[in-house]
Amino acid sequence: MKTRGAEAYYRSEHDAGNPHVLRTPDDVDDVIDFLLQGDQGECAAELIALDRPLTSAGLPDHVFIIGARRDRNAGVLLSGDGDYEGPDANMMSAGNLDLDNDVVLYQRNDGGSYEFPISAEIPIDKLRGAVKEFVASGGKRPRSIEWHVPFYM
């Protein structure tokens, strides 16, 4: 299946209507490599699949947040997917679920941050594979990793 790719927002110039369009596995690696350079600053991105429908309000029917931190040698994913209902609509990556729910911050380019429990962190190679799957599938929730309902929902 040929897909149109995904828009990635992770730098200030992307927020001005100039997103980085991801079409290839190398494009995904470029984003994750950039996020890994930031350690605790600018280490999160929002992806919008170009093949997914918009809501009646003209907004994407999904949310896909990625985070990657070199200092933790780990990353996180959050998938809010309009194809699912109930608690399955919003899921986060499942790392070691035996860990406590201490929060790790993944900073956005606007100075804000996403909070994830430590148990949502996964190895960088799994993060790369899941993001590549998201882009190649036209925005479907990746099946290459395990997901769980966020503890705050």
C-alpha atoms as a PDB file:
ATOM      1  CA  MET A   1       0.000   0.000   0.000  1.00  0.00           C
ATOM      2  CA  LYS A   2       1.416   3.381  -1.006  1.00  0.00           C
ATOM      3  CA  THR A   3       0.839   5.967   1.700  1.00  0.00           C
ATOM      4  CA  ARG A   4       1.259   9.719   1.721  1.00  0.00           C
ATOM      5  CA  GLY A   5       3.279   9.632   4.938  1.00  0.00           C
ATOM      6  CA  ALA A   6       2.973  11.673   8.104  1.00  0.00           C
ATOM      7  CA  GLU A   7       3.613  15.236   9.177  1.00  0.00           C
ATOM      8  CA  ALA A   8       6.029  15.578  12.085  1.00  0.00           C
ATOM      9  CA  TYR A   9       6.005  18.584  14.404  1.00  0.00           C
ATOM     10  CA  TYR A  10       9.059  18.794  16.650  1.00  0.00           C
ATOM     11  CA  ARG A  11      10.846  22.063  15.874  1.00  0.00           C
ATOM     12  CA  SER A  12       9.568  25.626  16.145  1.00  0.00           C
ATOM     13  CA  GLU A  13       9.568  26.110  12.367  1.00  0.00           C
ATOM     14  CA  HIS A  14       7.221  23.133  12.010  1.00  0.00           C
ATOM     15  CA  ASP A  15       4.553  24.894  14.059  1.00  0.00           C
ATOM     16  CA  ALA A  16       4.448  27.706  11.501  1.00  0.00           C
ATOM     17  CA  GLY A  17       2.744  25.454   8.951  1.00  0.00           C
ATOM     18  CA  ASN A  18       5.938  23.874   7.684  1.00  0.00           C
ATOM     19  CA  PRO A  19       5.974  20.315   9.080  1.00  0.00           C
ATOM     20  CA  HIS A  20       8.650  17.754   8.310  1.00  0.00           C
ATOM     21  CA  VAL A  21       6.908  15.180   6.077  1.00  0.00           C
ATOM     22  CA  LEU A  22       7.962  11.593   6.775  1.00  0.00           C
ATOM     23  CA  ARG A  23       7.675   9.102   3.926  1.00  0.00           C
ATOM     24  CA  THR A  24      10.583   6.694   4.339  1.00  0.00           C
ATOM     25  CA  PRO A  25      12.251   4.759   7.169  1.00  0.00           C
ATOM     26  CA  ASP A  26      15.215   7.145   6.837  1.00  0.00           C
ATOM     27  CA  ASP A  27      12.874  10.107   7.457  1.00  0.00           C
ATOM     28  CA  VAL A  28      11.722   8.455  10.696  1.00  0.00           C
ATOM     29  CA  ASP A  29      15.330   7.816  11.744  1.00  0.00           C
ATOM     30  CA  ASP A  30      16.144  11.493  11.100  1.00  0.00           C
ATOM     31  CA  VAL A  31      13.374  12.618  13.493  1.00  0.00           C
ATOM     32  CA  ILE A  32      14.316  10.170  16.226  1.00  0.00           C
ATOM     33  CA  ASP A  33      18.010  11.019  15.853  1.00  0.00           C
ATOM     34  CA  PHE A  34      17.124  14.710  16.244  1.00  0.00           C
ATOM     35  CA  LEU A  35      15.049  14.002  19.364  1.00  0.00           C
ATOM     36  CA  LEU A  36      17.886  11.971  20.856  1.00  0.00           C
ATOM     37  CA  GLN A  37      20.218  14.976  20.502  1.00  0.00           C
ATOM     38  CA  GLY A  38      17.985  17.013  22.788  1.00  0.00           C
ATOM     39  CA  ASP A  39      18.263  14.805  25.893  1.00  0.00           C
ATOM     40  CA  GLN A  40      15.704  16.531  28.098  1.00  0.00           C
ATOM     41  CA  GLY A  41      14.896  19.466  25.797  1.00  0.00           C
ATOM     42  CA  GLU A  42      13.045  19.110  22.492  1.00  0.00           C
ATOM     43  CA  CYS A  43      12.755  15.346  22.763  1.00  0.00           C
ATOM     44  CA  ALA A  44       9.086  14.898  21.761  1.00  0.00           C
ATOM     45  CA  ALA A  45       7.230  15.097  18.465  1.00  0.00           C
ATOM     46  CA  GLU A  46       3.635  14.898  17.277  1.00  0.00           C
ATOM     47  CA  LEU A  47       2.906  12.949  14.098  1.00  0.00           C
ATOM     48  CA  ILE A  48      -0.194  13.364  11.939  1.00  0.00           C
ATOM     49  CA  ALA A  49      -0.802  10.636   9.329  1.00  0.00           C
ATOM     50  CA  LEU A  50      -1.749  12.162   5.982  1.00  0.00           C
ATOM     51  CA  ASP A  51      -3.898   9.151   5.049  1.00  0.00           C
ATOM     52  CA  ARG A  52      -6.218   9.417   8.044  1.00  0.00           C
ATOM     53  CA  PRO A  53      -9.541  11.282   7.879  1.00  0.00           C
ATOM     54  CA  LEU A  54     -10.270  14.598   9.503  1.00  0.00           C
ATOM     55  CA  THR A  55     -13.103  15.095  11.980  1.00  0.00           C
ATOM     56  CA  SER A  56     -16.074  17.300  11.130  1.00  0.00           C
ATOM     57  CA  ALA A  57     -14.163  20.131  12.854  1.00  0.00           C
ATOM     58  CA  GLY A  58     -11.294  19.676  10.373  1.00  0.00           C
ATOM     59  CA  LEU A  59      -8.932  18.136  12.934  1.00  0.00           C
ATOM     60  CA  PRO A  60      -7.079  14.818  12.654  1.00  0.00           C
ATOM     61  CA  ASP A  61      -9.006  11.831  13.998  1.00  0.00           C
ATOM     62  CA  HIS A  62      -5.899  10.673  15.851  1.00  0.00           C
ATOM     63  CA  VAL A  63      -2.911  11.719  17.935  1.00  0.00           C
ATOM     64  CA  PHE A  64       0.484  10.042  17.789  1.00  0.00           C
ATOM     65  CA  ILE A  65       3.139  11.378  20.158  1.00  0.00           C
ATOM     66  CA  ILE A  66       6.696  10.094  20.208  1.00  0.00           C
ATOM     67  CA  GLY A  67       9.435  10.853  22.682  1.00  0.00           C
ATOM     68  CA  ALA A  68      13.098   9.823  22.684  1.00  0.00           C
ATOM     69  CA  ARG A  69      15.700  10.617  25.345  1.00  0.00           C
ATOM     70  CA  ARG A  70      19.355   9.728  24.962  1.00  0.00           C
ATOM     71  CA  ASP A  71      20.010  10.198  28.683  1.00  0.00           C
ATOM     72  CA  ARG A  72      17.455   7.438  29.403  1.00  0.00           C
ATOM     73  CA  ASN A  73      18.269   5.329  26.327  1.00  0.00           C
ATOM     74  CA  ALA A  74      14.519   4.973  25.924  1.00  0.00           C
ATOM     75  CA  GLY A  75      11.471   6.354  24.216  1.00  0.00           C
ATOM     76  CA  VAL A  76       7.697   6.498  24.583  1.00  0.00           C
ATOM     77  CA  LEU A  77       4.613   6.489  22.364  1.00  0.00           C
ATOM     78  CA  LEU A  78       1.077   7.746  22.888  1.00  0.00           C
ATOM     79  CA  SER A  79      -1.635   6.752  20.436  1.00  0.00           C
ATOM     80  CA  GLY A  80      -5.043   8.371  20.469  1.00  0.00           C
ATOM     81  CA  ASP A  81      -6.906   6.618  17.688  1.00  0.00           C
ATOM     82  CA  GLY A  82     -10.348   7.405  16.291  1.00  0.00           C
ATOM     83  CA  ASP A  83     -10.662   3.790  15.092  1.00  0.00           C
ATOM     84  CA  TYR A  84     -11.084   2.645  18.704  1.00  0.00           C
ATOM     85  CA  GLU A  85     -13.659   3.445  21.385  1.00  0.00           C
ATOM     86  CA  GLY A  86     -13.615   3.381  25.160  1.00  0.00           C
ATOM     87  CA  PRO A  87     -10.361   2.798  27.019  1.00  0.00           C
ATOM     88  CA  ASP A  88      -8.652   1.420  23.891  1.00  0.00           C
ATOM     89  CA  ALA A  89      -8.951   4.824  22.186  1.00  0.00           C
ATOM     90  CA  ASN A  90      -5.957   6.196  24.108  1.00  0.00           C
ATOM     91  CA  MET A  91      -3.010   3.896  24.693  1.00  0.00           C
ATOM     92  CA  MET A  92       0.645   4.328  25.549  1.00  0.00           C
ATOM     93  CA  SER A  93       3.630   2.126  24.924  1.00  0.00           C
ATOM     94  CA  ALA A  94       4.093  -0.653  27.448  1.00  0.00           C
ATOM     95  CA  GLY A  95       7.633  -1.120  28.682  1.00  0.00           C
ATOM     96  CA  ASN A  96       8.320  -2.779  32.017  1.00  0.00           C
ATOM     97  CA  LEU A  97       4.897  -2.647  33.667  1.00  0.00           C
ATOM     98  CA  ASP A  98       6.403  -3.855  36.956  1.00  0.00           C
ATOM     99  CA  LEU A  99       7.999  -0.430  37.420  1.00  0.00           C
ATOM    100  CA  ASP A 100       6.218   2.180  39.477  1.00  0.00           C
ATOM    101  CA  ASN A 101       4.351   5.102  37.989  1.00  0.00           C
ATOM    102  CA  ASP A 102       7.029   7.722  38.575  1.00  0.00           C
ATOM    103  CA  VAL A 103       6.728  10.335  35.859  1.00  0.00           C
ATOM    104  CA  VAL A 104       9.316  11.091  33.191  1.00  0.00           C
ATOM    105  CA  LEU A 105       9.042  14.332  31.225  1.00  0.00           C
ATOM    106  CA  TYR A 106       9.465  14.535  27.465  1.00  0.00           C
ATOM    107  CA  GLN A 107       9.862  18.187  26.459  1.00  0.00           C
ATOM    108  CA  ARG A 108       8.153  19.729  23.454  1.00  0.00           C
ATOM    109  CA  ASN A 109       9.693  22.427  21.284  1.00  0.00           C
ATOM    110  CA  ASP A 110       7.306  25.035  22.757  1.00  0.00           C
ATOM    111  CA  GLY A 111       8.665  24.570  26.290  1.00  0.00           C
ATOM    112  CA  GLY A 112       5.768  22.387  27.433  1.00  0.00           C
ATOM    113  CA  SER A 113       6.141  18.714  28.169  1.00  0.00           C
ATOM    114  CA  TYR A 114       4.404  15.363  28.026  1.00  0.00           C
ATOM    115  CA  GLU A 115       4.376  13.274  31.181  1.00  0.00           C
ATOM    116  CA  PHE A 116       4.798   9.527  30.865  1.00  0.00           C
ATOM    117  CA  PRO A 117       5.175   6.870  33.541  1.00  0.00           C
ATOM    118  CA  ILE A 118       8.537   5.109  33.554  1.00  0.00           C
ATOM    119  CA  SER A 119       6.646   1.917  32.704  1.00  0.00           C
ATOM    120  CA  ALA A 120       5.830   3.378  29.255  1.00  0.00           C
ATOM    121  CA  GLU A 121       9.485   3.616  28.214  1.00  0.00           C
ATOM    122  CA  ILE A 122      10.657   1.189  25.544  1.00  0.00           C
ATOM    123  CA  PRO A 123      14.056   0.613  23.911  1.00  0.00           C
ATOM    124  CA  ILE A 124      14.954   3.013  21.097  1.00  0.00           C
ATOM    125  CA  ASP A 125      15.087   0.227  18.488  1.00  0.00           C
ATOM    126  CA  LYS A 126      11.488  -0.742  19.314  1.00  0.00           C
ATOM    127  CA  LEU A 127      10.472   2.918  19.169  1.00  0.00           C
ATOM    128  CA  ARG A 128      12.040   3.265  15.713  1.00  0.00           C
ATOM    129  CA  GLY A 129      10.261   0.151  14.452  1.00  0.00           C
ATOM    130  CA  ALA A 130       6.871   1.256  15.787  1.00  0.00           C
ATOM    131  CA  VAL A 131       7.134   4.762  14.303  1.00  0.00           C
ATOM    132  CA  LYS A 132       8.184   3.329  10.938  1.00  0.00           C
ATOM    133  CA  GLU A 133       5.168   1.013  11.103  1.00  0.00           C
ATOM    134  CA  PHE A 134       2.855   3.961  11.869  1.00  0.00           C
ATOM    135  CA  VAL A 135       4.126   5.895   8.841  1.00  0.00           C
ATOM    136  CA  ALA A 136       4.151   2.895   6.454  1.00  0.00           C
ATOM    137  CA  SER A 137       0.632   1.786   7.468  1.00  0.00           C
ATOM    138  CA  GLY A 138      -0.973   5.148   6.788  1.00  0.00           C
ATOM    139  CA  GLY A 139      -1.419   5.940  10.473  1.00  0.00           C
ATOM    140  CA  LYS A 140      -2.589   2.684  12.018  1.00  0.00           C
ATOM    141  CA  ARG A 141      -1.603   1.962  15.621  1.00  0.00           C
ATOM    142  CA  PRO A 142       1.569  -0.148  15.424  1.00  0.00           C
ATOM    143  CA  ARG A 143       1.266  -3.820  16.344  1.00  0.00           C
ATOM    144  CA  SER A 144       5.011  -4.306  16.793  1.00  0.00           C
ATOM    145  CA  ILE A 145       4.908  -3.166  20.437  1.00  0.00           C
ATOM    146  CA  GLU A 146       2.624  -3.748  23.387  1.00  0.00           C
ATOM    147  CA  TRP A 147       0.232  -1.027  24.502  1.00  0.00           C
ATOM    148  CA  HIS A 148      -1.560  -0.261  27.758  1.00  0.00           C
ATOM    149  CA  VAL A 149      -4.119   2.228  29.003  1.00  0.00           C
ATOM    150  CA  PRO A 150      -2.400   5.246  30.570  1.00  0.00           C
ATOM    151  CA  PHE A 151      -2.513   5.188  34.356  1.00  0.00           C
ATOM    152  CA  TYR A 152      -4.137   8.623  34.469  1.00  0.00           C
ATOM    153  CA  MET A 153      -7.179   7.629  32.410  1.00  0.00           C
END
